[in-house]
Amino acid sequence: MAAQPQDRPGLIDARPVPHPWRWVALAVIAVVVAMIVSSFATNARWNFPVALQVMIQSPVLEGLWKGTIIGTLGAMAIGIGLGIPIAVMRLSSNPVMRGVSFVFTWFFRAVPRYVLLVVIGSGLGYLYSTLDIGVPFAKQLASWLGWSNDLTFATVDVYAISSTIVGGIIGLGLSEAAYMAEIARAGIASVDRGQSEAAQALGMSSGKAMWRIVLPQAMRVIVPPTGNEVIAMVKDTSLLSAIPVISELFFQTRAIGTRTLQIMPALVGATAWYLIICSVLMVGQSYLERYYGRGFGTSGPPDKRAARPGGAGGA
């Protein structure tokens, strides 16, 4: 005969472990916050009314829209659109594709973005005023064969592009593609290889299996660092002055501050715009992480009912 279960014990009135250093840390934080608020409120040199006026100036709003927002969107479009194929090439069994992707990521990760933009803005137009797209050594080959056509399919005016925001977007995008390639490679590698093998066993091609099966699962790993890269790109658009691009947020606020001798309020205005944009992006990133993280880990605090006798976890 089975033994009767014993009665469950009552609630344990346990005393929580004291954490006095938490209260000490809270007091220190409260003092520091109070000092910061006092500094903002009592130091007239911050001049927040002037900073607000700088933020709504037409050149600043134009720089915000063209240089910061359009620059970020364009650079990230190039970075993501080029980084994912480079990541796939890096994971390829073809040694040539692996070598090309490695050289690309090695070069653009090693060169600082400011230096890259200076080279594009100042040196690229000097080296190549125009860029001929066609057969290599086309003019020499056509001259040797006596052909009138020099086998050039298109000509790009490099000088006209390199000194504009388009050149800056291309430079930032190429640099970003190297980082996105490593992020995408890590995300793809985090998906079990059996997923792609099962998809191919069902008749899917390698490309379709990558697009429909592997990448959606890799997004859980790809989204958080990609969100960080987008936020970092918003701040890196301030480097477009190396091109030089004058339709840019920081350039315009600094110019207004220099012209009006209100340097600090102008910098406060630029900082405020960057804080607003990055805060919005952080909220969007949190929603994307929650969406692609469904089914992985915990989405909230544990159910307290499970710890009580007779609750959901006490059956």
Protein backbone atom coordinates (compact mmCIF):
# COMPACT_ATOMS: atom_id res chain seq x y z
CA MET A 1 0.00 0.00 0.00
CA ALA A 2 1.39 3.35 -1.03
CA ALA A 3 2.50 5.64 1.72
CA GLN A 4 0.32 8.67 2.34
CA PRO A 5 1.98 11.95 1.40
CA GLN A 6 2.97 14.08 4.31
CA ASP A 7 1.29 17.39 4.90
CA ARG A 8 3.06 20.28 3.32
CA PRO A 9 4.81 22.62 5.71
CA GLY A 10 3.49 26.13 6.13
CA LEU A 11 5.04 29.28 4.78
CA ILE A 12 8.57 29.90 5.93
CA ASP A 13 8.95 33.35 7.41
CA ALA A 14 12.52 33.80 6.20
CA ARG A 15 14.36 37.00 6.91
CA PRO A 16 15.90 38.51 3.78
CA VAL A 17 19.64 38.85 3.64
CA PRO A 18 20.61 42.44 4.47
CA HIS A 19 22.42 44.43 1.78
CA PRO A 20 23.68 47.60 3.48
CA TRP A 21 26.03 48.50 0.62
CA ARG A 22 23.07 48.85 -1.70
CA TRP A 23 21.78 51.70 0.44
CA VAL A 24 25.24 53.26 0.51
CA ALA A 25 25.43 53.08 -3.30
CA LEU A 26 21.92 54.55 -3.55
CA ALA A 27 22.93 57.45 -1.31
CA VAL A 28 26.05 58.14 -3.38
CA ILE A 29 24.07 58.05 -6.60
CA ALA A 30 21.45 60.40 -5.15
CA VAL A 31 24.16 62.89 -4.14
CA VAL A 32 25.80 62.77 -7.58
CA VAL A 33 22.45 63.26 -9.35
CA ALA A 34 21.62 66.18 -7.06
CA MET A 35 24.99 67.79 -7.84
CA ILE A 36 24.40 67.42 -11.59
CA VAL A 37 20.91 68.89 -11.38
CA SER A 38 22.21 71.75 -9.23
CA SER A 39 24.95 72.45 -11.79
CA PHE A 40 22.42 72.62 -14.62
CA ALA A 41 20.09 74.86 -12.63
CA THR A 42 22.62 77.30 -11.17
CA ASN A 43 25.27 77.64 -13.88
CA ALA A 44 24.02 80.24 -16.35
CA ARG A 45 26.80 79.39 -18.82
CA TRP A 46 24.83 76.35 -20.00
CA ASN A 47 22.35 78.84 -21.48
CA PHE A 48 19.68 76.31 -22.37
CA PRO A 49 17.35 78.86 -24.04
CA VAL A 50 20.07 79.66 -26.59
CA ALA A 51 20.73 75.93 -27.06
CA LEU A 52 17.05 75.44 -27.87
CA GLN A 53 17.19 78.27 -30.39
CA VAL A 54 20.24 76.68 -32.04
CA MET A 55 18.43 73.33 -32.30
CA ILE A 56 15.58 74.79 -34.38
CA GLN A 57 17.71 76.84 -36.78
CA SER A 58 17.10 75.97 -40.45
CA PRO A 59 20.75 75.02 -41.22
CA VAL A 60 20.79 72.73 -38.16
CA LEU A 61 17.53 71.04 -39.15
CA GLU A 62 18.82 70.62 -42.70
CA GLY A 63 22.04 69.11 -41.39
CA LEU A 64 20.03 66.84 -39.08
CA TRP A 65 17.93 65.56 -41.96
CA LYS A 66 20.52 65.35 -44.74
CA GLY A 67 23.77 64.61 -42.98
CA THR A 68 22.68 62.66 -39.91
CA ILE A 69 19.46 60.83 -40.81
CA ILE A 70 19.99 60.33 -44.55
CA GLY A 71 23.68 59.62 -43.95
CA THR A 72 22.88 56.97 -41.34
CA LEU A 73 20.19 55.30 -43.46
CA GLY A 74 22.37 55.26 -46.58
CA ALA A 75 25.49 54.01 -44.82
CA MET A 76 23.60 51.27 -42.96
CA ALA A 77 21.83 50.20 -46.17
CA ILE A 78 25.21 49.74 -47.84
CA GLY A 79 26.67 48.13 -44.73
CA ILE A 80 23.88 45.57 -44.26
CA GLY A 81 23.33 44.94 -47.96
CA LEU A 82 27.03 44.30 -48.54
CA GLY A 83 27.91 42.80 -45.16
CA ILE A 84 25.55 39.81 -45.35
CA PRO A 85 26.91 38.56 -48.72
CA ILE A 86 30.46 39.03 -47.43
CA ALA A 87 29.57 36.99 -44.34
CA VAL A 88 28.17 34.22 -46.53
CA MET A 89 31.36 34.35 -48.62
CA ARG A 90 33.43 34.09 -45.44
CA LEU A 91 31.61 30.85 -44.55
CA SER A 92 31.90 29.46 -48.07
CA SER A 93 33.97 26.38 -48.85
CA ASN A 94 35.46 28.21 -51.85
CA PRO A 95 38.92 29.49 -50.85
CA VAL A 96 38.77 32.39 -53.34
CA MET A 97 35.52 33.72 -51.88
CA ARG A 98 36.85 33.29 -48.35
CA GLY A 99 40.03 35.14 -49.29
CA VAL A 100 38.20 38.06 -50.91
CA SER A 101 35.88 38.47 -47.92
CA PHE A 102 38.81 38.27 -45.51
CA VAL A 103 40.78 40.97 -47.36
CA PHE A 104 37.73 43.24 -47.46
CA THR A 105 37.00 42.94 -43.74
CA TRP A 106 40.70 43.20 -42.87
CA PHE A 107 41.18 46.44 -44.79
CA PHE A 108 38.05 48.33 -43.78
CA ARG A 109 38.25 47.28 -40.14
CA ALA A 110 41.90 48.37 -39.94
CA VAL A 111 41.48 51.85 -41.47
CA PRO A 112 39.88 54.45 -39.16
CA ARG A 113 36.70 55.94 -40.57
CA TYR A 114 37.97 59.49 -40.29
CA VAL A 115 41.10 58.60 -42.25
CA LEU A 116 38.99 56.76 -44.83
CA LEU A 117 36.72 59.79 -45.30
CA VAL A 118 39.71 62.12 -45.65
CA VAL A 119 41.16 59.85 -48.34
CA ILE A 120 37.84 59.76 -50.18
CA GLY A 121 37.24 63.48 -49.92
CA SER A 122 40.75 64.72 -50.63
CA GLY A 123 42.73 61.97 -52.31
CA LEU A 124 40.34 59.86 -54.37
CA GLY A 125 39.38 62.69 -56.72
CA TYR A 126 43.07 63.47 -57.17
CA LEU A 127 43.97 59.88 -57.99
CA TYR A 128 40.98 59.19 -60.24
CA SER A 129 39.17 62.20 -61.66
CA THR A 130 37.10 59.71 -63.66
CA LEU A 131 36.76 55.96 -63.29
CA ASP A 132 36.31 53.82 -66.40
CA ILE A 133 34.27 50.65 -65.97
CA GLY A 134 35.10 48.00 -68.53
CA VAL A 135 37.79 45.51 -69.52
CA PRO A 136 41.07 45.92 -67.59
CA PHE A 137 43.77 47.64 -69.66
CA ALA A 138 41.00 48.43 -72.15
CA LYS A 139 42.64 51.42 -73.81
CA GLN A 140 46.01 49.70 -74.19
CA LEU A 141 44.35 46.54 -75.53
CA ALA A 142 42.20 48.49 -78.00
CA SER A 143 45.20 50.47 -79.22
CA TRP A 144 47.23 47.28 -79.69
CA LEU A 145 44.43 45.60 -81.64
CA GLY A 146 43.61 48.72 -83.63
CA TRP A 147 40.00 48.93 -82.40
CA SER A 148 38.13 52.20 -82.23
CA ASN A 149 36.13 51.05 -79.19
CA ASP A 150 38.25 51.14 -76.04
CA LEU A 151 36.04 48.49 -74.35
CA THR A 152 34.82 50.94 -71.70
CA PHE A 153 31.18 50.45 -70.74
CA ALA A 154 30.68 53.40 -68.39
CA THR A 155 32.56 56.33 -66.89
CA VAL A 156 32.05 57.62 -63.33
CA ASP A 157 32.95 61.17 -62.38
CA VAL A 158 34.81 60.37 -59.16
CA TYR A 159 35.77 63.97 -58.48
CA ALA A 160 32.12 65.10 -58.47
CA ILE A 161 31.05 62.29 -56.12
CA SER A 162 33.96 62.11 -53.67
CA SER A 163 33.44 65.63 -52.34
CA THR A 164 29.70 65.27 -51.65
CA ILE A 165 27.56 63.48 -49.11
CA VAL A 166 27.30 60.56 -51.54
CA GLY A 167 31.04 59.95 -51.16
CA GLY A 168 30.68 60.13 -47.37
CA ILE A 169 27.81 57.63 -47.38
CA ILE A 170 29.82 55.26 -49.58
CA GLY A 171 32.85 55.54 -47.29
CA LEU A 172 30.86 54.98 -44.10
CA GLY A 173 28.91 52.17 -45.78
CA LEU A 174 32.02 50.30 -46.89
CA SER A 175 33.50 50.60 -43.41
CA GLU A 176 30.24 49.45 -41.85
CA ALA A 177 29.99 46.48 -44.22
CA ALA A 178 33.17 45.03 -42.74
CA TYR A 179 31.70 45.11 -39.23
CA MET A 180 28.28 43.89 -40.34
CA ALA A 181 29.96 40.98 -42.12
CA GLU A 182 31.46 39.81 -38.84
CA ILE A 183 28.16 40.31 -37.01
CA ALA A 184 26.24 38.36 -39.66
CA ARG A 185 28.90 35.65 -39.70
CA ALA A 186 28.57 35.19 -35.94
CA GLY A 187 24.79 35.05 -36.23
CA ILE A 188 24.83 32.51 -39.05
CA ALA A 189 27.39 30.38 -37.21
CA SER A 190 25.12 30.33 -34.13
CA VAL A 191 22.43 28.41 -36.04
CA ASP A 192 22.85 24.65 -35.92
CA ARG A 193 24.10 23.24 -39.20
CA GLY A 194 21.36 20.64 -39.10
CA GLN A 195 18.83 23.38 -39.89
CA SER A 196 20.29 24.05 -43.33
CA GLU A 197 20.85 20.33 -43.95
CA ALA A 198 17.20 19.61 -43.14
CA ALA A 199 16.08 22.41 -45.46
CA GLN A 200 18.20 21.07 -48.31
CA ALA A 201 16.85 17.58 -47.64
CA LEU A 202 13.36 19.01 -48.26
CA GLY A 203 14.50 20.27 -51.66
CA MET A 204 15.47 23.85 -50.84
CA SER A 205 18.45 25.36 -52.59
CA SER A 206 21.35 26.65 -50.51
CA GLY A 207 20.36 30.27 -51.10
CA LYS A 208 16.71 29.67 -50.21
CA ALA A 209 17.66 27.72 -47.11
CA MET A 210 19.91 30.58 -46.04
CA TRP A 211 17.21 33.20 -46.66
CA ARG A 212 14.19 31.31 -45.31
CA ILE A 213 15.64 29.11 -42.56
CA VAL A 214 19.07 30.19 -41.32
CA LEU A 215 18.87 34.01 -41.36
CA PRO A 216 15.54 34.25 -39.49
CA GLN A 217 17.01 32.17 -36.68
CA ALA A 218 20.28 34.11 -36.78
CA MET A 219 18.43 37.42 -36.31
CA ARG A 220 18.25 36.77 -32.57
CA VAL A 221 22.04 37.12 -32.50
CA ILE A 222 22.35 39.69 -35.28
CA VAL A 223 19.80 42.30 -34.11
CA PRO A 224 21.43 43.50 -30.82
CA PRO A 225 24.88 44.34 -32.27
CA THR A 226 23.25 45.70 -35.44
CA GLY A 227 21.22 48.09 -33.31
CA ASN A 228 24.42 49.19 -31.63
CA GLU A 229 26.00 49.76 -35.04
CA VAL A 230 23.07 51.92 -36.15
CA ILE A 231 23.38 54.06 -33.02
CA ALA A 232 27.14 54.30 -33.53
CA MET A 233 26.59 55.32 -37.16
CA VAL A 234 24.36 58.21 -36.06
CA LYS A 235 27.31 59.56 -34.10
CA ASP A 236 29.87 58.74 -36.81
CA THR A 237 28.04 60.95 -39.30
CA SER A 238 29.74 63.82 -37.47
CA LEU A 239 32.90 62.64 -39.28
CA LEU A 240 31.42 63.69 -42.63
CA SER A 241 33.12 67.05 -42.14
CA ALA A 242 36.28 65.28 -43.34
CA ILE A 243 34.82 65.05 -46.87
CA PRO A 244 33.93 67.98 -46.27
CA VAL A 245 30.13 67.91 -46.03
CA ILE A 246 28.60 71.05 -44.54
CA SER A 247 25.00 69.78 -44.46
CA GLU A 248 25.62 67.88 -41.24
CA LEU A 249 24.28 68.40 -37.73
CA PHE A 250 27.50 68.86 -35.77
CA PHE A 251 29.15 70.99 -38.45
CA GLN A 252 26.19 73.39 -38.52
CA THR A 253 25.85 73.70 -34.73
CA ARG A 254 29.56 74.30 -34.37
CA ALA A 255 29.47 76.92 -37.13
CA ILE A 256 26.60 78.73 -35.42
CA GLY A 257 28.40 78.60 -32.09
CA THR A 258 31.58 80.01 -33.59
CA ARG A 259 29.73 82.78 -35.42
CA THR A 260 27.65 83.85 -32.40
CA LEU A 261 30.34 83.18 -29.77
CA GLN A 262 27.90 80.80 -28.04
CA ILE A 263 30.11 77.72 -28.23
CA MET A 264 28.77 75.78 -25.28
CA PRO A 265 25.04 76.30 -25.98
CA ALA A 266 25.62 75.20 -29.57
CA LEU A 267 27.34 72.03 -28.39
CA VAL A 268 24.48 71.41 -25.95
CA GLY A 269 22.03 71.70 -28.86
CA ALA A 270 23.96 69.16 -30.93
CA THR A 271 24.19 66.82 -27.93
CA ALA A 272 20.45 67.09 -27.36
CA TRP A 273 19.66 66.12 -30.96
CA TYR A 274 21.98 63.09 -30.77
CA LEU A 275 20.35 62.05 -27.49
CA ILE A 276 16.87 62.31 -29.01
CA ILE A 277 17.72 60.29 -32.13
CA CYS A 278 19.65 57.59 -30.27
CA SER A 279 16.91 57.27 -27.64
CA VAL A 280 14.32 56.61 -30.34
CA LEU A 281 16.60 54.03 -31.94
CA MET A 282 17.17 52.32 -28.59
CA VAL A 283 13.41 51.93 -28.10
CA GLY A 284 13.07 50.44 -31.59
CA GLN A 285 15.99 48.11 -30.92
CA SER A 286 14.37 46.82 -27.72
CA TYR A 287 11.17 45.96 -29.62
CA LEU A 288 13.12 44.17 -32.36
CA GLU A 289 15.10 42.18 -29.81
CA ARG A 290 11.89 41.17 -28.08
CA TYR A 291 10.33 40.15 -31.41
CA TYR A 292 13.24 38.02 -32.63
CA GLY A 293 13.97 36.67 -29.14
CA ARG A 294 10.58 34.99 -28.77
CA GLY A 295 10.95 31.44 -27.48
CA PHE A 296 14.50 31.98 -26.18
CA GLY A 297 15.16 32.51 -22.49
CA THR A 298 12.72 34.30 -20.21
CA SER A 299 10.68 37.30 -21.26
CA GLY A 300 9.93 38.58 -17.76
CA PRO A 301 10.35 37.97 -14.04
CA PRO A 302 9.54 34.48 -12.73
CA ASP A 303 6.00 33.75 -11.60
CA LYS A 304 5.88 34.30 -7.86
CA ARG A 305 2.93 31.94 -7.52
CA ALA A 306 5.24 29.02 -8.22
CA ALA A 307 7.07 29.69 -4.97
CA ARG A 308 3.92 29.50 -2.80
CA PRO A 309 2.25 26.28 -1.67
CA GLY A 310 -0.93 25.77 -3.59
CA GLY A 311 0.18 28.07 -6.39
CA ALA A 312 0.62 27.24 -10.05
CA GLY A 313 3.90 25.48 -9.37
CA GLY A 314 2.80 23.63 -6.24
CA ALA A 315 0.79 20.89 -7.85
